[in-house]
């Protein structure tokens, strides 16, 4: 891959660069116009997609997010070889958002605005990412099924490893199968569109006492329902407060009402025990029980997944209310 001359790149912008500091995911530039962040995107198409949805959000009236700074010739980004380059303002002070229902309602509204902006893009086909999600979860579920069958052939032994897997696998596989079945159901393709793979709590901050949307510079693309499901699951696991989830969804639906397809996919993605499987999978090939530290993490993941059942019950009831209202 060709090298990029940062000095040449910096000259394309109006700012005069004083110092460059490499960071984990960008270069911090000290300039005569304040600190900036320069990023190199390995995929130009994702960079263009990211620029487009940010600008649509601004046209919707939401300006509190990281926008791409234009070059001297008014370009919002640069393309060098097969890679893209963007420049954004570096914010020195970003405070943690206050925890509360009003803040979560605001987050829900902004997330819905982001999704509405992303939905307008025709650059990527949602059906492709939907099929990828179906295939990914189906493959993990088949692998778990195969291992379960291998356990049966081994018979009932008294060794510790066998007891460990017999304790873990029946409920794990049952949950994986139910989620895979949900994802195999026919969905209205009009309800699918491309977004990030995972909205995260680090994507929110407070800047000058305003809610600020940040990040998404190295996105793994998926469908929007996975984006929302991951955020709500993490929100509930961290705080165990359904009122925060309710506030987020209420704010979201003020901008973009959720349909039955949305709820079905939310439930499937939230319920899938991916965290547990990813912890266990490295050990099933050699039929070995994880060490004490990893075993403790697995048990904690099981506890978290069981706690999510309360969230699933709430979302399922909300979906049923929506179905009843649509029939009324």
C-alpha atoms as a PDB file:
ATOM      1  CA  UNK A   1       0.000   0.000   0.000  1.00  0.00           C
ATOM      2  CA  UNK A   2       1.326   3.393  -1.002  1.00  0.00           C
ATOM      3  CA  UNK A   3       2.622   5.807   1.632  1.00  0.00           C
ATOM      4  CA  UNK A   4       0.814   9.068   2.214  1.00  0.00           C
ATOM      5  CA  UNK A   5       2.837  12.246   2.595  1.00  0.00           C
ATOM      6  CA  UNK A   6       1.143  14.044   5.485  1.00  0.00           C
ATOM      7  CA  UNK A   7       2.900  17.308   4.712  1.00  0.00           C
ATOM      8  CA  UNK A   8       1.397  17.346   1.225  1.00  0.00           C
ATOM      9  CA  UNK A   9      -2.004  16.479   2.632  1.00  0.00           C
ATOM     10  CA  UNK A  10      -1.889  19.247   5.238  1.00  0.00           C
ATOM     11  CA  UNK A  11      -1.083  21.788   2.568  1.00  0.00           C
ATOM     12  CA  UNK A  12      -4.430  21.019   0.937  1.00  0.00           C
ATOM     13  CA  UNK A  13      -6.207  22.587   3.919  1.00  0.00           C
ATOM     14  CA  UNK A  14      -6.314  26.242   4.892  1.00  0.00           C
ATOM     15  CA  UNK A  15      -4.793  25.621   8.307  1.00  0.00           C
ATOM     16  CA  UNK A  16      -1.038  25.893   8.940  1.00  0.00           C
ATOM     17  CA  UNK A  17       0.187  22.798  10.748  1.00  0.00           C
ATOM     18  CA  UNK A  18       2.498  23.386  13.717  1.00  0.00           C
ATOM     19  CA  UNK A  19       2.870  19.866  15.070  1.00  0.00           C
ATOM     20  CA  UNK A  20       1.659  16.331  14.242  1.00  0.00           C
ATOM     21  CA  UNK A  21       1.095  13.652  16.905  1.00  0.00           C
ATOM     22  CA  UNK A  22       0.195  10.076  15.863  1.00  0.00           C
ATOM     23  CA  UNK A  23      -2.690   8.605  17.887  1.00  0.00           C
ATOM     24  CA  UNK A  24      -4.278   5.155  17.793  1.00  0.00           C
ATOM     25  CA  UNK A  25      -6.836   5.945  15.095  1.00  0.00           C
ATOM     26  CA  UNK A  26      -5.820   9.340  13.731  1.00  0.00           C
ATOM     27  CA  UNK A  27      -3.196  12.093  13.664  1.00  0.00           C
ATOM     28  CA  UNK A  28      -3.637  15.019  16.044  1.00  0.00           C
ATOM     29  CA  UNK A  29      -2.658  18.254  14.289  1.00  0.00           C
ATOM     30  CA  UNK A  30      -1.883  21.428  16.168  1.00  0.00           C
ATOM     31  CA  UNK A  31      -2.690  24.226  13.736  1.00  0.00           C
ATOM     32  CA  UNK A  32      -3.113  27.981  13.693  1.00  0.00           C
ATOM     33  CA  UNK A  33      -6.864  27.306  13.544  1.00  0.00           C
ATOM     34  CA  UNK A  34      -6.916  25.063  16.586  1.00  0.00           C
ATOM     35  CA  UNK A  35      -6.417  21.300  17.056  1.00  0.00           C
ATOM     36  CA  UNK A  36      -7.605  18.993  14.270  1.00  0.00           C
ATOM     37  CA  UNK A  37      -7.842  15.236  13.729  1.00  0.00           C
ATOM     38  CA  UNK A  38      -6.666  13.791  10.437  1.00  0.00           C
ATOM     39  CA  UNK A  39      -7.899  10.300   9.579  1.00  0.00           C
ATOM     40  CA  UNK A  40      -6.961   7.879   6.841  1.00  0.00           C
ATOM     41  CA  UNK A  41      -9.853   5.699   5.699  1.00  0.00           C
ATOM     42  CA  UNK A  42      -8.973   2.301   4.178  1.00  0.00           C
ATOM     43  CA  UNK A  43     -12.275   2.309   2.257  1.00  0.00           C
ATOM     44  CA  UNK A  44     -13.248   5.364   0.242  1.00  0.00           C
ATOM     45  CA  UNK A  45     -16.859   4.233  -0.197  1.00  0.00           C
ATOM     46  CA  UNK A  46     -17.457   4.109   3.572  1.00  0.00           C
ATOM     47  CA  UNK A  47     -15.862   7.545   3.937  1.00  0.00           C
ATOM     48  CA  UNK A  48     -18.210   8.982   1.311  1.00  0.00           C
ATOM     49  CA  UNK A  49     -21.179   7.307   2.952  1.00  0.00           C
ATOM     50  CA  UNK A  50     -20.130   8.729   6.335  1.00  0.00           C
ATOM     51  CA  UNK A  51     -19.803  12.237   4.921  1.00  0.00           C
ATOM     52  CA  UNK A  52     -23.238  12.031   3.314  1.00  0.00           C
ATOM     53  CA  UNK A  53     -25.206  11.027   6.398  1.00  0.00           C
ATOM     54  CA  UNK A  54     -23.469  13.663   8.532  1.00  0.00           C
ATOM     55  CA  UNK A  55     -24.445  16.383   6.088  1.00  0.00           C
ATOM     56  CA  UNK A  56     -28.038  15.143   5.943  1.00  0.00           C
ATOM     57  CA  UNK A  57     -28.221  15.398   9.738  1.00  0.00           C
ATOM     58  CA  UNK A  58     -27.080  19.006   9.535  1.00  0.00           C
ATOM     59  CA  UNK A  59     -29.830  19.706   7.014  1.00  0.00           C
ATOM     60  CA  UNK A  60     -32.286  18.160   9.490  1.00  0.00           C
ATOM     61  CA  UNK A  61     -31.148  20.770  12.002  1.00  0.00           C
ATOM     62  CA  UNK A  62     -28.714  18.738  14.123  1.00  0.00           C
ATOM     63  CA  UNK A  63     -25.240  20.293  13.989  1.00  0.00           C
ATOM     64  CA  UNK A  64     -23.644  18.847  17.134  1.00  0.00           C
ATOM     65  CA  UNK A  65     -21.530  16.158  15.508  1.00  0.00           C
ATOM     66  CA  UNK A  66     -18.106  15.794  13.898  1.00  0.00           C
ATOM     67  CA  UNK A  67     -18.180  17.188  10.368  1.00  0.00           C
ATOM     68  CA  UNK A  68     -15.519  16.945   7.704  1.00  0.00           C
ATOM     69  CA  UNK A  69     -13.540  20.159   7.181  1.00  0.00           C
ATOM     70  CA  UNK A  70     -13.241  21.250   3.563  1.00  0.00           C
ATOM     71  CA  UNK A  71      -9.985  21.715   1.707  1.00  0.00           C
ATOM     72  CA  UNK A  72      -8.800  24.899   0.022  1.00  0.00           C
ATOM     73  CA  UNK A  73     -10.716  23.875  -3.095  1.00  0.00           C
ATOM     74  CA  UNK A  74     -13.887  23.127  -1.082  1.00  0.00           C
ATOM     75  CA  UNK A  75     -13.627  19.330  -1.116  1.00  0.00           C
ATOM     76  CA  UNK A  76     -14.960  17.596   2.019  1.00  0.00           C
ATOM     77  CA  UNK A  77     -12.318  14.848   1.804  1.00  0.00           C
ATOM     78  CA  UNK A  78      -9.298  13.761  -0.183  1.00  0.00           C
ATOM     79  CA  UNK A  79      -8.725  10.533  -2.089  1.00  0.00           C
ATOM     80  CA  UNK A  80      -5.125   9.360  -2.321  1.00  0.00           C
ATOM     81  CA  UNK A  81      -4.732   6.099  -4.185  1.00  0.00           C
ATOM     82  CA  UNK A  82      -7.194   3.648  -2.642  1.00  0.00           C
ATOM     83  CA  UNK A  83      -7.624   5.533   0.622  1.00  0.00           C
ATOM     84  CA  UNK A  84      -9.571   8.529   1.815  1.00  0.00           C
ATOM     85  CA  UNK A  85      -8.512  11.349   4.111  1.00  0.00           C
ATOM     86  CA  UNK A  86     -10.664  13.558   6.311  1.00  0.00           C
ATOM     87  CA  UNK A  87     -10.027  16.376   8.758  1.00  0.00           C
ATOM     88  CA  UNK A  88     -12.256  17.173  11.733  1.00  0.00           C
ATOM     89  CA  UNK A  89     -12.063  19.470  14.730  1.00  0.00           C
ATOM     90  CA  UNK A  90     -10.445  18.004  17.840  1.00  0.00           C
ATOM     91  CA  UNK A  91     -12.544  18.651  20.933  1.00  0.00           C
ATOM     92  CA  UNK A  92     -10.389  18.973  24.029  1.00  0.00           C
ATOM     93  CA  UNK A  93     -13.255  18.710  26.503  1.00  0.00           C
ATOM     94  CA  UNK A  94     -16.009  16.160  26.025  1.00  0.00           C
ATOM     95  CA  UNK A  95     -17.952  15.383  29.179  1.00  0.00           C
ATOM     96  CA  UNK A  96     -19.870  12.218  29.977  1.00  0.00           C
ATOM     97  CA  UNK A  97     -23.596  12.517  29.339  1.00  0.00           C
ATOM     98  CA  UNK A  98     -25.752  12.736  32.479  1.00  0.00           C
ATOM     99  CA  UNK A  99     -27.695   9.564  33.171  1.00  0.00           C
ATOM    100  CA  UNK A 100     -31.441  10.133  33.080  1.00  0.00           C
ATOM    101  CA  UNK A 101     -34.587   9.598  31.073  1.00  0.00           C
ATOM    102  CA  UNK A 102     -34.540  13.032  29.448  1.00  0.00           C
ATOM    103  CA  UNK A 103     -30.997  12.517  28.167  1.00  0.00           C
ATOM    104  CA  UNK A 104     -31.911   9.050  26.889  1.00  0.00           C
ATOM    105  CA  UNK A 105     -34.911  10.482  25.088  1.00  0.00           C
ATOM    106  CA  UNK A 106     -32.605  12.979  23.385  1.00  0.00           C
ATOM    107  CA  UNK A 107     -30.204  10.166  22.472  1.00  0.00           C
ATOM    108  CA  UNK A 108     -33.093   8.220  20.976  1.00  0.00           C
ATOM    109  CA  UNK A 109     -34.162  11.176  18.861  1.00  0.00           C
ATOM    110  CA  UNK A 110     -30.635  11.775  17.589  1.00  0.00           C
ATOM    111  CA  UNK A 111     -30.105   8.078  16.828  1.00  0.00           C
ATOM    112  CA  UNK A 112     -33.318   8.051  14.816  1.00  0.00           C
ATOM    113  CA  UNK A 113     -32.209  11.156  12.935  1.00  0.00           C
ATOM    114  CA  UNK A 114     -28.907   9.448  12.154  1.00  0.00           C
ATOM    115  CA  UNK A 115     -30.688   6.335  10.914  1.00  0.00           C
ATOM    116  CA  UNK A 116     -33.092   8.404   8.830  1.00  0.00           C
ATOM    117  CA  UNK A 117     -30.101  10.148   7.248  1.00  0.00           C
ATOM    118  CA  UNK A 118     -28.352   6.848   6.567  1.00  0.00           C
ATOM    119  CA  UNK A 119     -31.493   5.348   5.081  1.00  0.00           C
ATOM    120  CA  UNK A 120     -31.430   7.883   2.267  1.00  0.00           C
ATOM    121  CA  UNK A 121     -28.138   6.476   0.974  1.00  0.00           C
ATOM    122  CA  UNK A 122     -28.153   4.189  -2.068  1.00  0.00           C
ATOM    123  CA  UNK A 123     -24.413   3.508  -1.900  1.00  0.00           C
ATOM    124  CA  UNK A 124     -24.812   0.145  -0.115  1.00  0.00           C
ATOM    125  CA  UNK A 125     -27.546  -2.475  -0.437  1.00  0.00           C
ATOM    126  CA  UNK A 126     -29.162  -3.428   2.869  1.00  0.00           C
ATOM    127  CA  UNK A 127     -30.089  -6.888   1.568  1.00  0.00           C
ATOM    128  CA  UNK A 128     -26.396  -7.776   1.327  1.00  0.00           C
ATOM    129  CA  UNK A 129     -25.762  -6.949   4.975  1.00  0.00           C
ATOM    130  CA  UNK A 130     -28.975  -8.681   6.047  1.00  0.00           C
ATOM    131  CA  UNK A 131     -27.813 -11.869   4.342  1.00  0.00           C
ATOM    132  CA  UNK A 132     -24.395 -11.513   5.988  1.00  0.00           C
ATOM    133  CA  UNK A 133     -26.001 -11.292   9.428  1.00  0.00           C
ATOM    134  CA  UNK A 134     -28.179 -14.324   8.719  1.00  0.00           C
ATOM    135  CA  UNK A 135     -25.191 -16.318   7.497  1.00  0.00           C
ATOM    136  CA  UNK A 136     -22.958 -15.240  10.396  1.00  0.00           C
ATOM    137  CA  UNK A 137     -25.415 -16.281  13.087  1.00  0.00           C
ATOM    138  CA  UNK A 138     -26.459 -19.448  11.246  1.00  0.00           C
ATOM    139  CA  UNK A 139     -22.798 -20.521  10.986  1.00  0.00           C
ATOM    140  CA  UNK A 140     -22.166 -19.977  14.710  1.00  0.00           C
ATOM    141  CA  UNK A 141     -25.343 -21.845  15.583  1.00  0.00           C
ATOM    142  CA  UNK A 142     -24.415 -24.812  13.372  1.00  0.00           C
ATOM    143  CA  UNK A 143     -21.006 -24.986  14.995  1.00  0.00           C
ATOM    144  CA  UNK A 144     -22.621 -25.091  18.431  1.00  0.00           C
ATOM    145  CA  UNK A 145     -25.011 -27.794  17.245  1.00  0.00           C
ATOM    146  CA  UNK A 146     -22.140 -29.877  15.893  1.00  0.00           C
ATOM    147  CA  UNK A 147     -20.334 -29.678  19.204  1.00  0.00           C
ATOM    148  CA  UNK A 148     -23.495 -30.623  21.073  1.00  0.00           C
ATOM    149  CA  UNK A 149     -23.785 -33.753  18.922  1.00  0.00           C
ATOM    150  CA  UNK A 150     -20.146 -34.571  19.619  1.00  0.00           C
ATOM    151  CA  UNK A 151     -20.881 -34.373  23.348  1.00  0.00           C
ATOM    152  CA  UNK A 152     -23.654 -36.916  22.993  1.00  0.00           C
ATOM    153  CA  UNK A 153     -21.347 -39.359  21.244  1.00  0.00           C
ATOM    154  CA  UNK A 154     -18.883 -39.061  24.105  1.00  0.00           C
ATOM    155  CA  UNK A 155     -21.534 -40.311  26.497  1.00  0.00           C
ATOM    156  CA  UNK A 156     -21.842 -39.426  30.130  1.00  0.00           C
ATOM    157  CA  UNK A 157     -18.458 -39.237  31.716  1.00  0.00           C
ATOM    158  CA  UNK A 158     -17.420 -38.056  35.105  1.00  0.00           C
ATOM    159  CA  UNK A 159     -14.659 -35.766  33.886  1.00  0.00           C
ATOM    160  CA  UNK A 160     -14.921 -32.122  34.748  1.00  0.00           C
ATOM    161  CA  UNK A 161     -14.834 -30.908  31.154  1.00  0.00           C
ATOM    162  CA  UNK A 162     -17.886 -32.929  30.186  1.00  0.00           C
ATOM    163  CA  UNK A 163     -19.866 -31.679  33.186  1.00  0.00           C
ATOM    164  CA  UNK A 164     -18.940 -28.089  32.309  1.00  0.00           C
ATOM    165  CA  UNK A 165     -20.188 -28.337  28.738  1.00  0.00           C
ATOM    166  CA  UNK A 166     -23.302 -30.281  29.712  1.00  0.00           C
ATOM    167  CA  UNK A 167     -24.152 -27.449  32.102  1.00  0.00           C
ATOM    168  CA  UNK A 168     -23.521 -24.725  29.556  1.00  0.00           C
ATOM    169  CA  UNK A 169     -24.595 -26.014  26.184  1.00  0.00           C
ATOM    170  CA  UNK A 170     -28.294 -27.007  26.401  1.00  0.00           C
ATOM    171  CA  UNK A 171     -29.589 -23.513  27.319  1.00  0.00           C
ATOM    172  CA  UNK A 172     -26.938 -21.815  25.168  1.00  0.00           C
ATOM    173  CA  UNK A 173     -27.839 -23.798  22.066  1.00  0.00           C
ATOM    174  CA  UNK A 174     -31.562 -23.395  22.667  1.00  0.00           C
ATOM    175  CA  UNK A 175     -31.183 -19.615  22.759  1.00  0.00           C
ATOM    176  CA  UNK A 176     -28.921 -19.559  19.707  1.00  0.00           C
ATOM    177  CA  UNK A 177     -31.404 -21.650  17.754  1.00  0.00           C
ATOM    178  CA  UNK A 178     -34.391 -19.463  18.667  1.00  0.00           C
ATOM    179  CA  UNK A 179     -32.552 -16.338  17.524  1.00  0.00           C
ATOM    180  CA  UNK A 180     -31.390 -17.983  14.299  1.00  0.00           C
ATOM    181  CA  UNK A 181     -34.995 -18.999  13.607  1.00  0.00           C
ATOM    182  CA  UNK A 182     -36.161 -15.418  14.141  1.00  0.00           C
ATOM    183  CA  UNK A 183     -33.565 -14.166  11.678  1.00  0.00           C
ATOM    184  CA  UNK A 184     -34.684 -16.706   9.092  1.00  0.00           C
ATOM    185  CA  UNK A 185     -38.203 -15.322   9.067  1.00  0.00           C
ATOM    186  CA  UNK A 186     -39.269 -13.355   6.049  1.00  0.00           C
ATOM    187  CA  UNK A 187     -38.950  -9.618   6.627  1.00  0.00           C
ATOM    188  CA  UNK A 188     -40.110  -6.638   4.643  1.00  0.00           C
ATOM    189  CA  UNK A 189     -37.002  -5.551   2.767  1.00  0.00           C
ATOM    190  CA  UNK A 190     -38.274  -1.973   2.820  1.00  0.00           C
ATOM    191  CA  UNK A 191     -37.615  -1.923   6.579  1.00  0.00           C
ATOM    192  CA  UNK A 192     -33.912  -2.698   6.127  1.00  0.00           C
ATOM    193  CA  UNK A 193     -31.174  -0.125   5.594  1.00  0.00           C
ATOM    194  CA  UNK A 194     -27.469   0.135   6.257  1.00  0.00           C
ATOM    195  CA  UNK A 195     -26.004   1.615   9.420  1.00  0.00           C
ATOM    196  CA  UNK A 196     -23.110   0.954  11.776  1.00  0.00           C
ATOM    197  CA  UNK A 197     -22.729  -2.429  13.355  1.00  0.00           C
ATOM    198  CA  UNK A 198     -22.845  -1.119  16.899  1.00  0.00           C
ATOM    199  CA  UNK A 199     -23.885   2.188  18.402  1.00  0.00           C
ATOM    200  CA  UNK A 200     -21.898   2.546  21.624  1.00  0.00           C
ATOM    201  CA  UNK A 201     -22.152   4.701  24.722  1.00  0.00           C
ATOM    202  CA  UNK A 202     -18.800   6.285  23.780  1.00  0.00           C
ATOM    203  CA  UNK A 203     -20.543   7.782  20.740  1.00  0.00           C
ATOM    204  CA  UNK A 204     -22.285  10.243  23.057  1.00  0.00           C
ATOM    205  CA  UNK A 205     -20.800  13.174  24.910  1.00  0.00           C
ATOM    206  CA  UNK A 206     -21.622  16.633  26.195  1.00  0.00           C
ATOM    207  CA  UNK A 207     -19.951  19.620  24.532  1.00  0.00           C
ATOM    208  CA  UNK A 208     -20.843  23.098  25.786  1.00  0.00           C
ATOM    209  CA  UNK A 209     -23.795  21.552  27.668  1.00  0.00           C
ATOM    210  CA  UNK A 210     -25.230  20.061  24.470  1.00  0.00           C
ATOM    211  CA  UNK A 211     -25.614  16.426  23.470  1.00  0.00           C
ATOM    212  CA  UNK A 212     -22.875  15.626  20.963  1.00  0.00           C
ATOM    213  CA  UNK A 213     -22.688  12.672  18.545  1.00  0.00           C
ATOM    214  CA  UNK A 214     -19.137  11.496  17.936  1.00  0.00           C
ATOM    215  CA  UNK A 215     -17.051   8.713  16.431  1.00  0.00           C
ATOM    216  CA  UNK A 216     -17.970   6.235  13.661  1.00  0.00           C
ATOM    217  CA  UNK A 217     -14.662   6.696  11.882  1.00  0.00           C
ATOM    218  CA  UNK A 218     -13.911   2.968  11.668  1.00  0.00           C
ATOM    219  CA  UNK A 219     -17.410   1.550  11.241  1.00  0.00           C
ATOM    220  CA  UNK A 220     -18.313  -2.051  10.609  1.00  0.00           C
ATOM    221  CA  UNK A 221     -21.468  -1.756   8.538  1.00  0.00           C
ATOM    222  CA  UNK A 222     -24.596  -3.768   9.200  1.00  0.00           C
ATOM    223  CA  UNK A 223     -28.337  -3.172   9.311  1.00  0.00           C
ATOM    224  CA  UNK A 224     -29.717  -0.498  11.601  1.00  0.00           C
ATOM    225  CA  UNK A 225     -31.635  -2.891  13.854  1.00  0.00           C
ATOM    226  CA  UNK A 226     -28.382  -4.495  14.970  1.00  0.00           C
ATOM    227  CA  UNK A 227     -27.041  -1.012  15.706  1.00  0.00           C
ATOM    228  CA  UNK A 228     -29.970  -0.208  18.002  1.00  0.00           C
ATOM    229  CA  UNK A 229     -30.139  -3.656  19.612  1.00  0.00           C
ATOM    230  CA  UNK A 230     -26.501  -3.589  20.696  1.00  0.00           C
ATOM    231  CA  UNK A 231     -26.863  -0.169  22.266  1.00  0.00           C
ATOM    232  CA  UNK A 232     -30.048  -1.022  24.190  1.00  0.00           C
ATOM    233  CA  UNK A 233     -28.595  -4.307  25.426  1.00  0.00           C
ATOM    234  CA  UNK A 234     -25.450  -2.595  26.730  1.00  0.00           C
ATOM    235  CA  UNK A 235     -27.502   0.214  28.258  1.00  0.00           C
ATOM    236  CA  UNK A 236     -29.663  -2.227  30.204  1.00  0.00           C
ATOM    237  CA  UNK A 237     -26.808  -4.534  31.244  1.00  0.00           C
ATOM    238  CA  UNK A 238     -24.863  -1.558  32.596  1.00  0.00           C
ATOM    239  CA  UNK A 239     -27.684   0.161  34.490  1.00  0.00           C
ATOM    240  CA  UNK A 240     -30.494  -2.443  34.756  1.00  0.00           C
ATOM    241  CA  UNK A 241     -33.053   0.341  34.411  1.00  0.00           C
ATOM    242  CA  UNK A 242     -35.905  -0.208  31.942  1.00  0.00           C
ATOM    243  CA  UNK A 243     -36.956   3.427  32.223  1.00  0.00           C
ATOM    244  CA  UNK A 244     -33.784   4.413  30.346  1.00  0.00           C
ATOM    245  CA  UNK A 245     -34.584   1.941  27.559  1.00  0.00           C
ATOM    246  CA  UNK A 246     -38.172   3.162  27.427  1.00  0.00           C
ATOM    247  CA  UNK A 247     -37.018   6.788  27.197  1.00  0.00           C
ATOM    248  CA  UNK A 248     -34.578   5.983  24.380  1.00  0.00           C
ATOM    249  CA  UNK A 249     -37.200   4.109  22.350  1.00  0.00           C
ATOM    250  CA  UNK A 250     -39.819   6.797  22.962  1.00  0.00           C
ATOM    251  CA  UNK A 251     -37.432   9.478  21.728  1.00  0.00           C
ATOM    252  CA  UNK A 252     -36.476   7.313  18.749  1.00  0.00           C
ATOM    253  CA  UNK A 253     -40.098   6.803  17.748  1.00  0.00           C
ATOM    254  CA  UNK A 254     -40.766  10.535  17.881  1.00  0.00           C
ATOM    255  CA  UNK A 255     -38.601  10.706  14.768  1.00  0.00           C
ATOM    256  CA  UNK A 256     -38.871   7.237  13.250  1.00  0.00           C
ATOM    257  CA  UNK A 257     -41.695   4.923  14.410  1.00  0.00           C
ATOM    258  CA  UNK A 258     -40.654   1.280  14.768  1.00  0.00           C
ATOM    259  CA  UNK A 259     -42.456  -1.391  12.765  1.00  0.00           C
ATOM    260  CA  UNK A 260     -42.936  -5.077  13.540  1.00  0.00           C
ATOM    261  CA  UNK A 261     -39.850  -5.962  11.474  1.00  0.00           C
ATOM    262  CA  UNK A 262     -37.800  -3.604  13.645  1.00  0.00           C
ATOM    263  CA  UNK A 263     -39.017  -5.227  16.856  1.00  0.00           C
ATOM    264  CA  UNK A 264     -38.477  -8.763  15.574  1.00  0.00           C
ATOM    265  CA  UNK A 265     -34.877  -8.007  14.652  1.00  0.00           C
ATOM    266  CA  UNK A 266     -34.238  -6.064  17.851  1.00  0.00           C
ATOM    267  CA  UNK A 267     -35.314  -9.088  19.872  1.00  0.00           C
ATOM    268  CA  UNK A 268     -33.229 -11.505  17.800  1.00  0.00           C
ATOM    269  CA  UNK A 269     -30.031  -9.457  18.012  1.00  0.00           C
ATOM    270  CA  UNK A 270     -30.436  -8.648  21.714  1.00  0.00           C
ATOM    271  CA  UNK A 271     -31.199 -12.253  22.650  1.00  0.00           C
ATOM    272  CA  UNK A 272     -28.399 -13.899  20.676  1.00  0.00           C
ATOM    273  CA  UNK A 273     -25.738 -15.030  23.238  1.00  0.00           C
ATOM    274  CA  UNK A 274     -22.803 -13.933  21.138  1.00  0.00           C
ATOM    275  CA  UNK A 275     -20.712 -12.808  24.088  1.00  0.00           C
ATOM    276  CA  UNK A 276     -20.912 -16.261  25.680  1.00  0.00           C
ATOM    277  CA  UNK A 277     -20.213 -18.098  22.446  1.00  0.00           C
ATOM    278  CA  UNK A 278     -17.167 -15.978  21.627  1.00  0.00           C
ATOM    279  CA  UNK A 279     -15.720 -16.778  25.055  1.00  0.00           C
ATOM    280  CA  UNK A 280     -16.348 -20.515  24.735  1.00  0.00           C
ATOM    281  CA  UNK A 281     -15.588 -21.184  21.072  1.00  0.00           C
ATOM    282  CA  UNK A 282     -11.759 -21.185  21.301  1.00  0.00           C
ATOM    283  CA  UNK A 283     -11.948 -24.148  23.715  1.00  0.00           C
ATOM    284  CA  UNK A 284     -14.422 -26.477  22.061  1.00  0.00           C
ATOM    285  CA  UNK A 285     -12.017 -27.521  19.294  1.00  0.00           C
ATOM    286  CA  UNK A 286      -9.808 -29.310  21.816  1.00  0.00           C
ATOM    287  CA  UNK A 287     -12.631 -30.160  24.219  1.00  0.00           C
ATOM    288  CA  UNK A 288     -10.946 -28.336  27.037  1.00  0.00           C
ATOM    289  CA  UNK A 289     -12.489 -26.375  29.877  1.00  0.00           C
ATOM    290  CA  UNK A 290     -11.402 -22.715  30.031  1.00  0.00           C
ATOM    291  CA  UNK A 291      -9.039 -21.635  32.793  1.00  0.00           C
ATOM    292  CA  UNK A 292     -10.330 -20.118  36.000  1.00  0.00           C
ATOM    293  CA  UNK A 293     -10.150 -16.513  34.767  1.00  0.00           C
ATOM    294  CA  UNK A 294     -11.916 -17.281  31.483  1.00  0.00           C
ATOM    295  CA  UNK A 295     -14.444 -19.474  33.294  1.00  0.00           C
ATOM    296  CA  UNK A 296     -15.312 -16.575  35.603  1.00  0.00           C
ATOM    297  CA  UNK A 297     -15.856 -14.352  32.550  1.00  0.00           C
ATOM    298  CA  UNK A 298     -18.126 -16.976  30.986  1.00  0.00           C
ATOM    299  CA  UNK A 299     -20.209 -17.212  34.151  1.00  0.00           C
ATOM    300  CA  UNK A 300     -20.489 -13.418  34.260  1.00  0.00           C
ATOM    301  CA  UNK A 301     -21.567 -13.388  30.615  1.00  0.00           C
ATOM    302  CA  UNK A 302     -24.232 -16.000  31.397  1.00  0.00           C
ATOM    303  CA  UNK A 303     -25.515 -13.818  34.248  1.00  0.00           C
ATOM    304  CA  UNK A 304     -25.633 -10.797  31.924  1.00  0.00           C
ATOM    305  CA  UNK A 305     -27.511 -12.743  29.287  1.00  0.00           C
ATOM    306  CA  UNK A 306     -30.055 -13.913  31.859  1.00  0.00           C
ATOM    307  CA  UNK A 307     -30.518 -10.312  32.988  1.00  0.00           C
ATOM    308  CA  UNK A 308     -31.254  -9.351  29.374  1.00  0.00           C
ATOM    309  CA  UNK A 309     -34.385 -11.540  29.539  1.00  0.00           C
ATOM    310  CA  UNK A 310     -36.091  -8.731  31.436  1.00  0.00           C
ATOM    311  CA  UNK A 311     -35.226  -6.363  28.603  1.00  0.00           C
ATOM    312  CA  UNK A 312     -36.501  -8.850  26.018  1.00  0.00           C
ATOM    313  CA  UNK A 313     -39.805  -9.146  27.868  1.00  0.00           C
ATOM    314  CA  UNK A 314     -40.227  -5.363  27.865  1.00  0.00           C
ATOM    315  CA  UNK A 315     -39.408  -5.009  24.148  1.00  0.00           C
ATOM    316  CA  UNK A 316     -41.721  -7.915  23.262  1.00  0.00           C
ATOM    317  CA  UNK A 317     -44.585  -6.285  25.194  1.00  0.00           C
ATOM    318  CA  UNK A 318     -43.883  -2.968  23.479  1.00  0.00           C
ATOM    319  CA  UNK A 319     -43.957  -4.727  20.109  1.00  0.00           C
ATOM    320  CA  UNK A 320     -47.300  -6.345  20.993  1.00  0.00           C
ATOM    321  CA  UNK A 321     -48.725  -2.938  21.947  1.00  0.00           C
ATOM    322  CA  UNK A 322     -47.580  -1.568  18.600  1.00  0.00           C
ATOM    323  CA  UNK A 323     -49.211  -4.496  16.773  1.00  0.00           C
ATOM    324  CA  UNK A 324     -52.471  -3.960  18.647  1.00  0.00           C
ATOM    325  CA  UNK A 325     -52.492  -0.233  17.873  1.00  0.00           C
ATOM    326  CA  UNK A 326     -51.871  -0.871  14.174  1.00  0.00           C
ATOM    327  CA  UNK A 327     -54.863  -3.225  14.038  1.00  0.00           C
ATOM    328  CA  UNK A 328     -57.175  -0.831  15.907  1.00  0.00           C
END
